[in-house]
Amino acid sequence: MWGTFLHASGPLLVGLSVAAVLGMDTFVARVARARAWSRPNAWLGPAAMLAVAGVLLALEVLIVAAQSRGMATRMTDVAADLRALPEVAAGSATAAGDPPASRHAVLISDHPIWLADVLGQPVIALPDESPADVATLAADFESRYLVVFDERGVYPGALLNGPGPTCFTGSPVRLSGAGDRAWLFPVAPRCHP
């Protein structure tokens, strides 16, 4: 869910590419023997695989670059919204502490790497666990804010639609996110569900 396999799959993709080229080379060699081709025609398999791989590589680079630009714009917009917010009330009373975009505030988010980079502050990855477990995580790391960008697992629906744990009693704040939904949920300080 976090794209960790996508980021770690580079060696596997290289290995699969090499295996595909070797497989195509073997296939062309067998066809060459069966049809009694001269030796110069045996280069067709690797050349075809390289042509296909080159087109797929260019397409993938274009797609990933466009997605990265869109995500960077979205993160910049959310960061601007977070910087503009004063401390958000958690529950019925505002607790003393840092605003969401303070370098001393620890956030929890479903896009921790992007958000940490754009804000320059610590951000913990939102686990695929129950809201009570997330509240425990927030208490352990003294985090008072949860930022949710995308619908993953039960979030943000479990906090928006259903009765959540008492740690998420404040009103969620909708962040711009370049037109996409992004939510800031205040977490009650020192809350242990």
N, C-alpha and C. Protein backbone atom coordinates (compact mmCIF):
# COMPACT_ATOMS: atom_id res chain seq x y z
N MET A 1 0.81 -1.21 0.00
CA MET A 1 0.00 0.00 0.00
C MET A 1 0.85 1.27 0.00
N TRP A 2 2.07 1.20 0.46
CA TRP A 2 2.91 2.39 0.55
C TRP A 2 3.83 2.54 -0.63
N GLY A 3 3.84 1.62 -1.57
CA GLY A 3 4.74 1.72 -2.71
C GLY A 3 6.13 1.23 -2.38
N THR A 4 6.31 0.55 -1.25
CA THR A 4 7.65 0.10 -0.90
C THR A 4 8.16 -0.96 -1.88
N PHE A 5 7.29 -1.86 -2.34
CA PHE A 5 7.75 -2.83 -3.33
C PHE A 5 8.07 -2.13 -4.64
N LEU A 6 7.28 -1.13 -5.01
CA LEU A 6 7.56 -0.38 -6.24
C LEU A 6 8.95 0.23 -6.16
N HIS A 7 9.31 0.77 -5.00
CA HIS A 7 10.62 1.40 -4.86
C HIS A 7 11.75 0.37 -4.78
N ALA A 8 11.47 -0.81 -4.27
CA ALA A 8 12.50 -1.82 -4.09
C ALA A 8 12.55 -2.83 -5.24
N SER A 9 11.73 -2.65 -6.25
CA SER A 9 11.64 -3.66 -7.31
C SER A 9 12.66 -3.46 -8.42
N GLY A 10 13.52 -2.47 -8.33
CA GLY A 10 14.51 -2.22 -9.38
C GLY A 10 15.35 -3.43 -9.73
N PRO A 11 15.99 -4.10 -8.73
CA PRO A 11 16.79 -5.28 -9.07
C PRO A 11 15.97 -6.40 -9.71
N LEU A 12 14.74 -6.58 -9.24
CA LEU A 12 13.89 -7.61 -9.82
C LEU A 12 13.57 -7.28 -11.28
N LEU A 13 13.28 -6.02 -11.56
CA LEU A 13 12.97 -5.63 -12.94
C LEU A 13 14.18 -5.81 -13.85
N VAL A 14 15.38 -5.49 -13.34
CA VAL A 14 16.59 -5.69 -14.14
C VAL A 14 16.77 -7.18 -14.42
N GLY A 15 16.59 -8.00 -13.38
CA GLY A 15 16.73 -9.45 -13.56
C GLY A 15 15.72 -10.00 -14.55
N LEU A 16 14.47 -9.53 -14.47
CA LEU A 16 13.45 -9.98 -15.41
C LEU A 16 13.76 -9.52 -16.83
N SER A 17 14.30 -8.32 -16.98
CA SER A 17 14.68 -7.83 -18.31
C SER A 17 15.79 -8.68 -18.91
N VAL A 18 16.80 -8.99 -18.10
CA VAL A 18 17.89 -9.85 -18.59
C VAL A 18 17.36 -11.22 -18.95
N ALA A 19 16.49 -11.80 -18.11
CA ALA A 19 15.91 -13.11 -18.41
C ALA A 19 15.09 -13.06 -19.69
N ALA A 20 14.35 -11.98 -19.91
CA ALA A 20 13.55 -11.85 -21.13
C ALA A 20 14.44 -11.78 -22.36
N VAL A 21 15.54 -11.02 -22.29
CA VAL A 21 16.45 -10.93 -23.44
C VAL A 21 17.09 -12.29 -23.71
N LEU A 22 17.54 -12.98 -22.65
CA LEU A 22 18.13 -14.30 -22.84
C LEU A 22 17.11 -15.29 -23.40
N GLY A 23 15.88 -15.22 -22.90
CA GLY A 23 14.82 -16.08 -23.42
C GLY A 23 14.52 -15.81 -24.88
N MET A 24 14.46 -14.54 -25.25
CA MET A 24 14.20 -14.19 -26.65
C MET A 24 15.38 -14.61 -27.53
N ASP A 25 16.60 -14.47 -27.01
CA ASP A 25 17.77 -14.88 -27.77
C ASP A 25 17.75 -16.39 -28.02
N THR A 26 17.38 -17.16 -26.99
CA THR A 26 17.27 -18.61 -27.13
C THR A 26 16.19 -18.98 -28.14
N PHE A 27 15.06 -18.28 -28.07
CA PHE A 27 13.96 -18.53 -29.00
C PHE A 27 14.40 -18.26 -30.44
N VAL A 28 15.07 -17.12 -30.67
CA VAL A 28 15.52 -16.79 -32.03
C VAL A 28 16.58 -17.78 -32.49
N ALA A 29 17.44 -18.24 -31.59
CA ALA A 29 18.47 -19.23 -31.98
C ALA A 29 17.80 -20.53 -32.42
N ARG A 30 16.76 -20.97 -31.72
CA ARG A 30 16.06 -22.19 -32.11
C ARG A 30 15.35 -22.02 -33.45
N VAL A 31 14.72 -20.86 -33.64
CA VAL A 31 14.07 -20.59 -34.92
C VAL A 31 15.10 -20.52 -36.03
N ALA A 32 16.26 -19.93 -35.74
CA ALA A 32 17.32 -19.82 -36.75
C ALA A 32 17.82 -21.20 -37.17
N ARG A 33 17.98 -22.10 -36.19
CA ARG A 33 18.40 -23.47 -36.52
C ARG A 33 17.32 -24.20 -37.33
N ALA A 34 16.07 -24.03 -36.93
CA ALA A 34 14.97 -24.72 -37.61
C ALA A 34 14.81 -24.23 -39.04
N ARG A 35 15.06 -22.96 -39.27
CA ARG A 35 14.86 -22.40 -40.61
C ARG A 35 16.16 -22.24 -41.37
N ALA A 36 17.23 -22.67 -40.75
CA ALA A 36 18.55 -22.60 -41.39
C ALA A 36 18.92 -21.17 -41.76
N TRP A 37 18.67 -20.25 -40.83
CA TRP A 37 19.07 -18.87 -41.08
C TRP A 37 20.59 -18.74 -41.00
N SER A 38 21.06 -17.74 -41.68
CA SER A 38 22.49 -17.45 -41.55
C SER A 38 22.73 -16.76 -40.20
N ARG A 39 23.94 -16.78 -39.75
CA ARG A 39 24.27 -16.25 -38.43
C ARG A 39 23.89 -14.78 -38.25
N PRO A 40 23.99 -13.89 -39.22
CA PRO A 40 23.66 -12.47 -38.99
C PRO A 40 22.22 -12.21 -38.55
N ASN A 41 21.29 -13.14 -38.79
CA ASN A 41 19.90 -12.91 -38.40
C ASN A 41 19.63 -13.17 -36.92
N ALA A 42 20.56 -13.73 -36.21
CA ALA A 42 20.35 -14.08 -34.81
C ALA A 42 20.27 -12.86 -33.89
N TRP A 43 20.60 -11.72 -34.35
CA TRP A 43 20.54 -10.49 -33.54
C TRP A 43 19.11 -9.97 -33.42
N LEU A 44 18.15 -10.54 -34.13
CA LEU A 44 16.79 -10.02 -34.13
C LEU A 44 16.13 -10.06 -32.75
N GLY A 45 16.33 -11.13 -32.00
CA GLY A 45 15.69 -11.27 -30.68
C GLY A 45 16.11 -10.19 -29.70
N PRO A 46 17.41 -10.05 -29.45
CA PRO A 46 17.84 -8.99 -28.54
C PRO A 46 17.46 -7.59 -29.03
N ALA A 47 17.53 -7.37 -30.34
CA ALA A 47 17.17 -6.05 -30.87
C ALA A 47 15.68 -5.77 -30.64
N ALA A 48 14.84 -6.77 -30.85
CA ALA A 48 13.40 -6.58 -30.63
C ALA A 48 13.12 -6.31 -29.15
N MET A 49 13.78 -7.07 -28.27
CA MET A 49 13.57 -6.86 -26.84
C MET A 49 14.05 -5.48 -26.40
N LEU A 50 15.17 -5.03 -26.92
CA LEU A 50 15.66 -3.70 -26.57
C LEU A 50 14.72 -2.61 -27.08
N ALA A 51 14.16 -2.81 -28.27
CA ALA A 51 13.22 -1.83 -28.81
C ALA A 51 11.97 -1.74 -27.94
N VAL A 52 11.42 -2.89 -27.55
CA VAL A 52 10.23 -2.92 -26.70
C VAL A 52 10.55 -2.32 -25.33
N ALA A 53 11.70 -2.71 -24.76
CA ALA A 53 12.09 -2.19 -23.45
C ALA A 53 12.30 -0.68 -23.50
N GLY A 54 12.88 -0.19 -24.60
CA GLY A 54 13.10 1.26 -24.73
C GLY A 54 11.79 2.04 -24.76
N VAL A 55 10.82 1.54 -25.50
CA VAL A 55 9.51 2.20 -25.57
C VAL A 55 8.83 2.17 -24.20
N LEU A 56 8.85 1.02 -23.52
CA LEU A 56 8.24 0.91 -22.20
C LEU A 56 8.95 1.81 -21.18
N LEU A 57 10.27 1.89 -21.27
CA LEU A 57 11.04 2.75 -20.37
C LEU A 57 10.65 4.21 -20.57
N ALA A 58 10.59 4.65 -21.81
CA ALA A 58 10.21 6.05 -22.08
C ALA A 58 8.80 6.35 -21.59
N LEU A 59 7.87 5.43 -21.83
CA LEU A 59 6.49 5.62 -21.37
C LEU A 59 6.44 5.68 -19.85
N GLU A 60 7.14 4.76 -19.18
CA GLU A 60 7.14 4.73 -17.72
C GLU A 60 7.75 6.00 -17.13
N VAL A 61 8.84 6.47 -17.72
CA VAL A 61 9.47 7.70 -17.23
C VAL A 61 8.52 8.88 -17.39
N LEU A 62 7.83 8.97 -18.51
CA LEU A 62 6.88 10.07 -18.71
C LEU A 62 5.74 10.01 -17.70
N ILE A 63 5.21 8.82 -17.46
CA ILE A 63 4.09 8.66 -16.53
C ILE A 63 4.52 9.00 -15.11
N VAL A 64 5.66 8.45 -14.69
CA VAL A 64 6.15 8.70 -13.32
C VAL A 64 6.49 10.17 -13.14
N ALA A 65 7.08 10.80 -14.15
CA ALA A 65 7.41 12.22 -14.05
C ALA A 65 6.13 13.07 -13.90
N ALA A 66 5.09 12.75 -14.65
CA ALA A 66 3.83 13.49 -14.54
C ALA A 66 3.20 13.28 -13.16
N GLN A 67 3.22 12.03 -12.67
CA GLN A 67 2.68 11.75 -11.34
C GLN A 67 3.47 12.49 -10.27
N SER A 68 4.78 12.54 -10.40
CA SER A 68 5.61 13.23 -9.42
C SER A 68 5.35 14.72 -9.41
N ARG A 69 5.19 15.30 -10.57
CA ARG A 69 4.87 16.75 -10.63
C ARG A 69 3.52 17.03 -9.98
N GLY A 70 2.53 16.18 -10.25
CA GLY A 70 1.22 16.36 -9.64
C GLY A 70 1.27 16.21 -8.13
N MET A 71 2.01 15.22 -7.65
CA MET A 71 2.13 15.02 -6.20
C MET A 71 2.90 16.17 -5.56
N ALA A 72 3.92 16.67 -6.22
CA ALA A 72 4.68 17.79 -5.66
C ALA A 72 3.79 19.04 -5.54
N THR A 73 2.96 19.29 -6.53
CA THR A 73 2.03 20.42 -6.47
C THR A 73 1.03 20.22 -5.33
N ARG A 74 0.51 19.02 -5.22
CA ARG A 74 -0.45 18.72 -4.16
C ARG A 74 0.18 18.91 -2.78
N MET A 75 1.38 18.41 -2.59
CA MET A 75 2.06 18.53 -1.30
C MET A 75 2.38 19.98 -0.97
N THR A 76 2.79 20.74 -1.96
CA THR A 76 3.09 22.15 -1.74
C THR A 76 1.83 22.90 -1.30
N ASP A 77 0.70 22.60 -1.92
CA ASP A 77 -0.56 23.25 -1.55
C ASP A 77 -0.98 22.87 -0.13
N VAL A 78 -0.86 21.60 0.21
CA VAL A 78 -1.21 21.15 1.56
C VAL A 78 -0.27 21.76 2.58
N ALA A 79 1.03 21.82 2.26
CA ALA A 79 1.99 22.43 3.18
C ALA A 79 1.66 23.90 3.42
N ALA A 80 1.25 24.61 2.37
CA ALA A 80 0.86 26.01 2.54
C ALA A 80 -0.36 26.12 3.46
N ASP A 81 -1.32 25.22 3.29
CA ASP A 81 -2.50 25.22 4.17
C ASP A 81 -2.09 24.92 5.61
N LEU A 82 -1.20 23.95 5.79
CA LEU A 82 -0.77 23.60 7.15
C LEU A 82 0.00 24.75 7.80
N ARG A 83 0.80 25.45 7.03
CA ARG A 83 1.55 26.58 7.59
C ARG A 83 0.63 27.73 7.97
N ALA A 84 -0.49 27.84 7.27
CA ALA A 84 -1.43 28.93 7.54
C ALA A 84 -2.30 28.65 8.76
N LEU A 85 -2.35 27.40 9.20
CA LEU A 85 -3.20 27.04 10.33
C LEU A 85 -2.51 27.35 11.65
N PRO A 86 -3.24 27.94 12.57
CA PRO A 86 -2.71 28.01 13.93
C PRO A 86 -2.91 26.64 14.57
N GLU A 87 -2.66 26.54 15.82
CA GLU A 87 -2.91 25.26 16.49
C GLU A 87 -4.37 24.90 16.32
N VAL A 88 -4.62 23.64 16.03
CA VAL A 88 -5.98 23.16 15.80
C VAL A 88 -6.51 22.59 17.11
N ALA A 89 -7.74 22.92 17.41
CA ALA A 89 -8.34 22.44 18.65
C ALA A 89 -8.53 20.94 18.59
N ALA A 90 -8.18 20.27 19.65
CA ALA A 90 -8.39 18.83 19.77
C ALA A 90 -9.48 18.62 20.80
N GLY A 91 -10.64 18.25 20.34
CA GLY A 91 -11.77 18.08 21.24
C GLY A 91 -12.39 19.43 21.54
N SER A 92 -12.87 19.61 22.73
CA SER A 92 -13.55 20.84 23.07
C SER A 92 -12.59 21.92 23.56
N ALA A 93 -11.37 21.52 23.91
CA ALA A 93 -10.43 22.51 24.43
C ALA A 93 -9.16 22.47 23.60
N THR A 94 -8.58 23.62 23.37
CA THR A 94 -7.33 23.69 22.63
C THR A 94 -6.19 23.40 23.59
N ALA A 95 -5.40 22.44 23.26
CA ALA A 95 -4.28 22.07 24.11
C ALA A 95 -3.05 22.85 23.71
N ALA A 96 -2.21 23.15 24.67
CA ALA A 96 -0.99 23.88 24.37
C ALA A 96 -0.08 22.98 23.55
N GLY A 97 0.55 23.55 22.55
CA GLY A 97 1.45 22.78 21.71
C GLY A 97 1.79 23.54 20.46
N ASP A 98 2.39 22.85 19.51
CA ASP A 98 2.85 23.47 18.29
C ASP A 98 1.80 23.36 17.19
N PRO A 99 1.76 24.35 16.28
CA PRO A 99 0.87 24.24 15.12
C PRO A 99 1.32 23.07 14.23
N PRO A 100 0.46 22.62 13.32
CA PRO A 100 0.78 21.44 12.52
C PRO A 100 2.07 21.57 11.71
N ALA A 101 2.38 22.75 11.20
CA ALA A 101 3.56 22.92 10.35
C ALA A 101 4.77 23.43 11.12
N SER A 102 4.80 23.23 12.42
CA SER A 102 5.95 23.62 13.21
C SER A 102 7.01 22.54 13.12
N ARG A 103 8.28 22.92 13.11
CA ARG A 103 9.33 21.90 13.02
C ARG A 103 9.39 21.03 14.26
N HIS A 104 8.69 21.43 15.33
CA HIS A 104 8.66 20.63 16.55
C HIS A 104 7.47 19.67 16.58
N ALA A 105 6.50 19.88 15.72
CA ALA A 105 5.31 19.03 15.70
C ALA A 105 5.61 17.76 14.91
N VAL A 106 5.15 16.63 15.42
CA VAL A 106 5.28 15.35 14.72
C VAL A 106 3.93 15.02 14.11
N LEU A 107 3.91 14.80 12.81
CA LEU A 107 2.67 14.46 12.12
C LEU A 107 2.63 12.97 11.81
N ILE A 108 1.44 12.46 11.58
CA ILE A 108 1.24 11.11 11.06
C ILE A 108 0.52 11.29 9.73
N SER A 109 0.98 10.59 8.69
CA SER A 109 0.37 10.78 7.37
C SER A 109 0.49 9.53 6.52
N ASP A 110 -0.39 9.43 5.52
CA ASP A 110 -0.31 8.33 4.56
C ASP A 110 0.70 8.62 3.46
N HIS A 111 1.29 9.80 3.43
CA HIS A 111 2.38 10.15 2.51
C HIS A 111 3.51 10.77 3.32
N PRO A 112 4.14 9.99 4.19
CA PRO A 112 5.10 10.57 5.13
C PRO A 112 6.36 11.13 4.48
N ILE A 113 6.86 10.48 3.45
CA ILE A 113 8.11 10.93 2.84
C ILE A 113 7.91 12.27 2.14
N TRP A 114 6.86 12.36 1.35
CA TRP A 114 6.58 13.62 0.65
C TRP A 114 6.33 14.76 1.65
N LEU A 115 5.50 14.50 2.64
CA LEU A 115 5.14 15.56 3.59
C LEU A 115 6.34 15.99 4.43
N ALA A 116 7.16 15.04 4.86
CA ALA A 116 8.37 15.38 5.63
C ALA A 116 9.31 16.22 4.79
N ASP A 117 9.42 15.90 3.51
CA ASP A 117 10.31 16.65 2.64
C ASP A 117 9.83 18.09 2.43
N VAL A 118 8.56 18.26 2.18
CA VAL A 118 8.05 19.61 1.88
C VAL A 118 7.95 20.48 3.14
N LEU A 119 7.69 19.87 4.30
CA LEU A 119 7.57 20.64 5.53
C LEU A 119 8.88 20.75 6.31
N GLY A 120 9.79 19.81 6.09
CA GLY A 120 11.03 19.81 6.84
C GLY A 120 10.85 19.49 8.31
N GLN A 121 9.95 18.56 8.59
CA GLN A 121 9.68 18.15 9.96
C GLN A 121 9.38 16.66 9.99
N PRO A 122 9.40 16.07 11.19
CA PRO A 122 9.16 14.62 11.26
C PRO A 122 7.72 14.24 10.93
N VAL A 123 7.59 13.17 10.14
CA VAL A 123 6.27 12.64 9.79
C VAL A 123 6.36 11.12 9.88
N ILE A 124 5.40 10.52 10.59
CA ILE A 124 5.35 9.08 10.80
C ILE A 124 4.35 8.49 9.80
N ALA A 125 4.67 7.31 9.29
CA ALA A 125 3.78 6.64 8.34
C ALA A 125 2.51 6.15 9.05
N LEU A 126 1.37 6.42 8.43
CA LEU A 126 0.08 5.97 8.94
C LEU A 126 -0.02 4.46 8.72
N PRO A 127 -0.09 3.68 9.80
CA PRO A 127 -0.18 2.23 9.60
C PRO A 127 -1.59 1.81 9.18
N ASP A 128 -1.68 0.65 8.57
CA ASP A 128 -2.97 0.11 8.18
C ASP A 128 -3.55 -0.64 9.39
N GLU A 129 -3.86 0.11 10.41
CA GLU A 129 -4.36 -0.42 11.67
C GLU A 129 -5.63 0.33 12.05
N SER A 130 -6.23 -0.06 13.14
CA SER A 130 -7.46 0.58 13.62
C SER A 130 -7.17 1.99 14.12
N PRO A 131 -8.19 2.85 14.16
CA PRO A 131 -7.99 4.19 14.71
C PRO A 131 -7.47 4.17 16.15
N ALA A 132 -7.85 3.19 16.94
CA ALA A 132 -7.34 3.11 18.31
C ALA A 132 -5.83 2.87 18.31
N ASP A 133 -5.35 2.02 17.39
CA ASP A 133 -3.91 1.78 17.29
C ASP A 133 -3.17 3.02 16.80
N VAL A 134 -3.79 3.76 15.90
CA VAL A 134 -3.18 5.01 15.42
C VAL A 134 -3.12 6.02 16.56
N ALA A 135 -4.16 6.06 17.40
CA ALA A 135 -4.15 6.96 18.56
C ALA A 135 -3.04 6.57 19.53
N THR A 136 -2.81 5.28 19.70
CA THR A 136 -1.71 4.81 20.55
C THR A 136 -0.36 5.24 19.95
N LEU A 137 -0.23 5.10 18.65
CA LEU A 137 0.98 5.55 17.96
C LEU A 137 1.19 7.05 18.18
N ALA A 138 0.12 7.81 18.04
CA ALA A 138 0.21 9.26 18.25
C ALA A 138 0.65 9.57 19.68
N ALA A 139 0.13 8.85 20.64
CA ALA A 139 0.51 9.07 22.03
C ALA A 139 1.97 8.70 22.26
N ASP A 140 2.42 7.61 21.67
CA ASP A 140 3.80 7.16 21.85
C ASP A 140 4.81 8.16 21.29
N PHE A 141 4.47 8.80 20.18
CA PHE A 141 5.39 9.75 19.55
C PHE A 141 5.00 11.21 19.80
N GLU A 142 4.03 11.41 20.68
CA GLU A 142 3.55 12.75 21.02
C GLU A 142 3.14 13.53 19.78
N SER A 143 2.46 12.83 18.89
CA SER A 143 1.94 13.47 17.68
C SER A 143 0.53 13.97 17.96
N ARG A 144 0.23 15.16 17.51
CA ARG A 144 -1.10 15.71 17.76
C ARG A 144 -1.91 15.92 16.49
N TYR A 145 -1.34 15.49 15.34
CA TYR A 145 -2.04 15.71 14.08
C TYR A 145 -1.88 14.51 13.15
N LEU A 146 -2.97 14.19 12.46
CA LEU A 146 -2.99 13.14 11.46
C LEU A 146 -3.41 13.78 10.15
N VAL A 147 -2.60 13.61 9.10
CA VAL A 147 -2.91 14.17 7.78
C VAL A 147 -3.16 13.00 6.83
N VAL A 148 -4.35 12.95 6.25
CA VAL A 148 -4.72 11.85 5.35
C VAL A 148 -5.01 12.45 3.97
N PHE A 149 -4.29 11.93 2.97
CA PHE A 149 -4.45 12.42 1.60
C PHE A 149 -5.38 11.55 0.77
N ASP A 150 -5.19 10.25 0.86
CA ASP A 150 -5.90 9.33 -0.03
C ASP A 150 -6.73 8.33 0.76
N GLU A 151 -7.69 7.74 0.08
CA GLU A 151 -8.46 6.67 0.70
C GLU A 151 -7.65 5.40 0.62
N ARG A 152 -7.20 4.94 1.78
CA ARG A 152 -6.42 3.70 1.88
C ARG A 152 -6.95 2.94 3.06
N GLY A 153 -7.32 1.71 2.83
CA GLY A 153 -7.85 0.92 3.93
C GLY A 153 -9.08 1.60 4.51
N VAL A 154 -9.07 1.83 5.80
CA VAL A 154 -10.23 2.41 6.48
C VAL A 154 -10.16 3.94 6.56
N TYR A 155 -9.05 4.53 6.12
CA TYR A 155 -8.88 5.97 6.27
C TYR A 155 -9.18 6.71 4.98
N PRO A 156 -9.75 7.89 5.04
CA PRO A 156 -10.18 8.66 6.19
C PRO A 156 -11.59 8.34 6.65
N GLY A 157 -12.25 7.42 5.96
CA GLY A 157 -13.66 7.11 6.25
C GLY A 157 -13.93 6.78 7.70
N ALA A 158 -13.05 6.02 8.35
CA ALA A 158 -13.29 5.63 9.74
C ALA A 158 -13.32 6.84 10.67
N LEU A 159 -12.62 7.89 10.31
CA LEU A 159 -12.60 9.09 11.15
C LEU A 159 -13.65 10.11 10.74
N LEU A 160 -14.09 10.05 9.49
CA LEU A 160 -15.08 11.01 9.00
C LEU A 160 -16.51 10.52 9.21
N ASN A 161 -16.75 9.22 9.02
CA ASN A 161 -18.11 8.70 8.99
C ASN A 161 -18.56 7.97 10.24
N GLY A 162 -17.62 7.35 10.90
CA GLY A 162 -18.03 6.51 12.02
C GLY A 162 -17.60 7.08 13.35
N PRO A 163 -18.12 6.52 14.40
CA PRO A 163 -17.66 6.96 15.71
C PRO A 163 -16.22 6.48 15.92
N GLY A 164 -15.30 7.43 15.94
CA GLY A 164 -13.89 7.09 16.14
C GLY A 164 -13.56 7.05 17.60
N PRO A 165 -12.33 6.69 17.91
CA PRO A 165 -11.94 6.68 19.31
C PRO A 165 -11.94 8.11 19.86
N THR A 166 -12.00 8.22 21.15
CA THR A 166 -12.10 9.54 21.77
C THR A 166 -10.88 10.41 21.51
N CYS A 167 -9.80 9.84 21.03
CA CYS A 167 -8.60 10.63 20.74
C CYS A 167 -8.79 11.55 19.53
N PHE A 168 -9.70 11.21 18.63
CA PHE A 168 -9.95 12.02 17.44
C PHE A 168 -11.27 12.75 17.61
N THR A 169 -11.36 13.60 18.60
CA THR A 169 -12.63 14.25 18.87
C THR A 169 -12.75 15.63 18.25
N GLY A 170 -11.65 16.20 17.77
CA GLY A 170 -11.71 17.52 17.15
C GLY A 170 -12.33 17.45 15.77
N SER A 171 -12.75 18.59 15.29
CA SER A 171 -13.32 18.65 13.94
C SER A 171 -12.20 18.54 12.91
N PRO A 172 -12.35 17.68 11.91
CA PRO A 172 -11.31 17.59 10.88
C PRO A 172 -11.28 18.86 10.05
N VAL A 173 -10.10 19.21 9.57
CA VAL A 173 -9.91 20.39 8.75
C VAL A 173 -9.62 19.92 7.34
N ARG A 174 -10.37 20.42 6.37
CA ARG A 174 -10.13 20.04 4.98
C ARG A 174 -9.03 20.93 4.41
N LEU A 175 -8.04 20.29 3.84
CA LEU A 175 -6.91 21.00 3.24
C LEU A 175 -7.07 20.98 1.74
N SER A 176 -6.52 21.98 1.05
CA SER A 176 -6.77 22.12 -0.38
C SER A 176 -6.21 20.97 -1.19
N GLY A 177 -4.92 20.69 -1.09
CA GLY A 177 -4.34 19.57 -1.82
C GLY A 177 -4.50 19.66 -3.31
N ALA A 178 -4.40 20.84 -3.89
CA ALA A 178 -4.51 21.04 -5.34
C ALA A 178 -5.80 20.45 -5.89
N GLY A 179 -6.90 20.67 -5.18
CA GLY A 179 -8.20 20.22 -5.63
C GLY A 179 -8.58 18.84 -5.13
N ASP A 180 -7.61 18.06 -4.69
CA ASP A 180 -7.89 16.74 -4.14
C ASP A 180 -8.19 16.87 -2.65
N ARG A 181 -8.86 15.87 -2.12
CA ARG A 181 -9.16 15.89 -0.69
C ARG A 181 -7.91 15.59 0.12
N ALA A 182 -7.74 16.35 1.16
CA ALA A 182 -6.72 16.07 2.17
C ALA A 182 -7.32 16.54 3.48
N TRP A 183 -7.14 15.77 4.52
CA TRP A 183 -7.76 16.06 5.81
C TRP A 183 -6.71 16.14 6.90
N LEU A 184 -6.93 17.07 7.82
CA LEU A 184 -6.11 17.17 9.03
C LEU A 184 -7.01 16.83 10.21
N PHE A 185 -6.62 15.80 10.94
CA PHE A 185 -7.37 15.38 12.11
C PHE A 185 -6.56 15.70 13.36
N PRO A 186 -7.09 16.51 14.26
CA PRO A 186 -6.38 16.75 15.51
C PRO A 186 -6.49 15.54 16.43
N VAL A 187 -5.43 15.27 17.14
CA VAL A 187 -5.39 14.17 18.10
C VAL A 187 -5.28 14.78 19.49
N ALA A 188 -6.11 14.35 20.40
CA ALA A 188 -6.08 14.89 21.76
C ALA A 188 -4.72 14.61 22.39
N PRO A 189 -4.12 15.59 23.03
CA PRO A 189 -2.81 15.37 23.65
C PRO A 189 -2.89 14.35 24.79
N ARG A 190 -1.83 13.59 24.91
CA ARG A 190 -1.71 12.59 25.99
C ARG A 190 -2.90 11.63 26.01
N CYS A 191 -3.43 11.33 24.85
CA CYS A 191 -4.58 10.44 24.77
C CYS A 191 -4.10 9.01 24.69
N HIS A 192 -4.61 8.16 25.52
CA HIS A 192 -4.32 6.72 25.50
C HIS A 192 -5.66 5.99 25.42
N PRO A 193 -6.02 5.52 24.20
CA PRO A 193 -7.32 4.86 24.03
C PRO A 193 -7.42 3.58 24.83
